[in-house]
């Protein structure tokens, strides 16, 4: 039970840090709205998650 709680707590903390970084750090990296930027924004996060899950399964 404690292990499950710690996992959820870690996800919550990571999500809050990521949200804070996007909200306040996004202004430091001005991006123009273009098709390439939209495709990268949509396709890179699932690709990273897929690599992470593949790496975890491999280990």
N, C-alpha and C. Protein backbone atom coordinates (compact mmCIF):
# COMPACT_ATOMS: atom_id res chain seq x y z
N UNK A 1 0.83 -1.19 0.00
CA UNK A 1 0.00 0.00 0.00
C UNK A 1 0.87 1.25 0.00
N UNK A 2 1.93 1.25 0.77
CA UNK A 2 2.82 2.40 0.85
C UNK A 2 3.53 2.62 -0.47
N UNK A 3 3.88 1.53 -1.16
CA UNK A 3 4.56 1.65 -2.44
C UNK A 3 3.65 2.32 -3.48
N UNK A 4 2.40 1.97 -3.49
CA UNK A 4 1.45 2.58 -4.42
C UNK A 4 1.29 4.07 -4.13
N UNK A 5 1.21 4.42 -2.85
CA UNK A 5 1.08 5.82 -2.47
C UNK A 5 2.31 6.62 -2.87
N UNK A 6 3.49 6.07 -2.68
CA UNK A 6 4.70 6.79 -3.05
C UNK A 6 4.80 6.98 -4.56
N UNK A 7 4.35 6.00 -5.34
CA UNK A 7 4.36 6.12 -6.80
C UNK A 7 3.42 7.24 -7.25
N UNK A 8 2.22 7.28 -6.70
CA UNK A 8 1.26 8.32 -7.05
C UNK A 8 1.78 9.69 -6.62
N UNK A 9 2.41 9.76 -5.47
CA UNK A 9 2.97 11.02 -4.99
C UNK A 9 4.10 11.50 -5.90
N UNK A 10 4.94 10.59 -6.37
CA UNK A 10 6.02 10.97 -7.29
C UNK A 10 5.46 11.50 -8.60
N UNK A 11 4.43 10.84 -9.13
CA UNK A 11 3.80 11.30 -10.36
C UNK A 11 3.18 12.68 -10.16
N UNK A 12 2.54 12.90 -9.03
CA UNK A 12 1.93 14.19 -8.73
C UNK A 12 2.98 15.30 -8.65
N UNK A 13 4.10 15.03 -7.99
CA UNK A 13 5.16 16.03 -7.87
C UNK A 13 5.79 16.30 -9.24
N UNK A 14 6.06 15.26 -10.02
CA UNK A 14 6.64 15.45 -11.34
C UNK A 14 5.71 16.25 -12.24
N UNK A 15 4.42 15.96 -12.16
CA UNK A 15 3.44 16.67 -12.96
C UNK A 15 3.37 18.15 -12.58
N UNK A 16 3.44 18.44 -11.29
CA UNK A 16 3.41 19.83 -10.83
C UNK A 16 4.65 20.58 -11.30
N UNK A 17 5.81 19.95 -11.23
CA UNK A 17 7.05 20.58 -11.68
C UNK A 17 7.00 20.84 -13.18
N UNK A 18 6.53 19.87 -13.94
CA UNK A 18 6.43 20.02 -15.38
C UNK A 18 5.43 21.13 -15.74
N UNK A 19 4.32 21.19 -15.04
CA UNK A 19 3.33 22.22 -15.29
C UNK A 19 3.89 23.61 -14.99
N UNK A 20 4.60 23.73 -13.90
CA UNK A 20 5.23 25.00 -13.52
C UNK A 20 6.25 25.41 -14.57
N UNK A 21 7.04 24.45 -15.05
CA UNK A 21 8.04 24.74 -16.07
C UNK A 21 7.43 25.19 -17.38
N UNK A 22 6.34 24.57 -17.77
CA UNK A 22 5.67 24.96 -19.01
C UNK A 22 5.05 26.35 -18.86
N UNK A 23 4.44 26.61 -17.71
CA UNK A 23 3.75 27.88 -17.52
C UNK A 23 4.72 29.06 -17.48
N UNK A 24 5.79 28.95 -16.72
CA UNK A 24 6.69 30.07 -16.55
C UNK A 24 7.95 29.99 -17.42
N UNK A 25 8.35 28.82 -17.82
CA UNK A 25 9.54 28.68 -18.65
C UNK A 25 9.23 28.75 -20.14
N UNK A 26 7.97 28.58 -20.50
CA UNK A 26 7.59 28.63 -21.90
C UNK A 26 7.79 29.99 -22.53
N UNK A 27 7.73 31.02 -21.74
CA UNK A 27 7.93 32.38 -22.26
C UNK A 27 9.37 32.63 -22.66
N UNK A 28 10.28 31.87 -22.11
CA UNK A 28 11.70 32.05 -22.42
C UNK A 28 12.08 31.43 -23.76
N UNK A 29 11.22 30.60 -24.30
CA UNK A 29 11.50 29.91 -25.57
C UNK A 29 10.39 30.24 -26.57
N UNK A 30 10.52 31.39 -27.23
CA UNK A 30 9.45 31.78 -28.17
C UNK A 30 9.47 30.88 -29.41
N UNK A 31 8.35 30.25 -29.70
CA UNK A 31 8.21 29.39 -30.87
C UNK A 31 7.14 29.97 -31.79
N UNK A 32 7.42 29.95 -33.07
CA UNK A 32 6.42 30.41 -34.03
C UNK A 32 5.44 29.29 -34.30
N UNK A 33 4.17 29.62 -34.47
CA UNK A 33 3.20 28.58 -34.80
C UNK A 33 3.41 28.11 -36.23
N UNK A 34 3.84 26.86 -36.38
CA UNK A 34 4.04 26.29 -37.71
C UNK A 34 3.65 24.82 -37.67
N UNK A 35 3.54 24.25 -38.84
CA UNK A 35 3.15 22.84 -38.94
C UNK A 35 4.20 21.93 -38.33
N UNK A 36 5.47 22.23 -38.56
CA UNK A 36 6.55 21.39 -38.01
C UNK A 36 6.54 21.42 -36.49
N UNK A 37 6.39 22.61 -35.91
CA UNK A 37 6.35 22.71 -34.45
C UNK A 37 5.15 21.97 -33.87
N UNK A 38 4.01 22.04 -34.55
CA UNK A 38 2.83 21.32 -34.08
C UNK A 38 3.04 19.81 -34.16
N UNK A 39 3.61 19.33 -35.25
CA UNK A 39 3.88 17.90 -35.38
C UNK A 39 4.88 17.42 -34.34
N UNK A 40 5.90 18.20 -34.09
CA UNK A 40 6.88 17.81 -33.06
C UNK A 40 6.24 17.81 -31.68
N UNK A 41 5.43 18.81 -31.38
CA UNK A 41 4.77 18.87 -30.08
C UNK A 41 3.81 17.73 -29.83
N UNK A 42 3.22 17.22 -30.90
CA UNK A 42 2.27 16.11 -30.77
C UNK A 42 2.96 14.76 -30.77
N UNK A 43 4.02 14.60 -31.55
CA UNK A 43 4.62 13.28 -31.73
C UNK A 43 5.78 12.97 -30.79
N UNK A 44 6.48 13.96 -30.29
CA UNK A 44 7.65 13.69 -29.45
C UNK A 44 7.28 13.12 -28.07
N UNK A 45 6.30 13.67 -27.35
CA UNK A 45 6.00 13.07 -26.03
C UNK A 45 5.59 11.59 -26.08
N UNK A 46 4.71 11.15 -26.99
CA UNK A 46 4.43 9.71 -27.05
C UNK A 46 5.64 8.87 -27.45
N UNK A 47 6.50 9.43 -28.30
CA UNK A 47 7.70 8.69 -28.69
C UNK A 47 8.63 8.51 -27.48
N UNK A 48 8.77 9.54 -26.68
CA UNK A 48 9.61 9.45 -25.48
C UNK A 48 9.01 8.44 -24.50
N UNK A 49 7.68 8.46 -24.34
CA UNK A 49 7.02 7.51 -23.44
C UNK A 49 7.18 6.09 -23.96
N UNK A 50 7.06 5.91 -25.26
CA UNK A 50 7.24 4.58 -25.84
C UNK A 50 8.66 4.07 -25.64
N UNK A 51 9.64 4.94 -25.82
CA UNK A 51 11.03 4.53 -25.56
C UNK A 51 11.26 4.18 -24.09
N UNK A 52 10.67 4.97 -23.21
CA UNK A 52 10.83 4.69 -21.78
C UNK A 52 10.21 3.35 -21.41
N UNK A 53 9.02 3.07 -21.94
CA UNK A 53 8.37 1.78 -21.64
C UNK A 53 9.12 0.62 -22.26
N UNK A 54 9.63 0.81 -23.48
CA UNK A 54 10.42 -0.23 -24.12
C UNK A 54 11.69 -0.51 -23.31
N UNK A 55 12.33 0.55 -22.83
CA UNK A 55 13.57 0.40 -22.05
C UNK A 55 13.27 -0.32 -20.73
N UNK A 56 12.14 0.02 -20.13
CA UNK A 56 11.76 -0.63 -18.86
C UNK A 56 11.46 -2.11 -19.08
N UNK A 57 10.79 -2.45 -20.18
CA UNK A 57 10.50 -3.85 -20.47
C UNK A 57 11.78 -4.63 -20.76
N UNK A 58 12.72 -3.96 -21.43
CA UNK A 58 13.98 -4.59 -21.78
C UNK A 58 14.82 -4.90 -20.54
N UNK A 59 14.73 -4.07 -19.53
CA UNK A 59 15.56 -4.24 -18.32
C UNK A 59 15.09 -5.38 -17.45
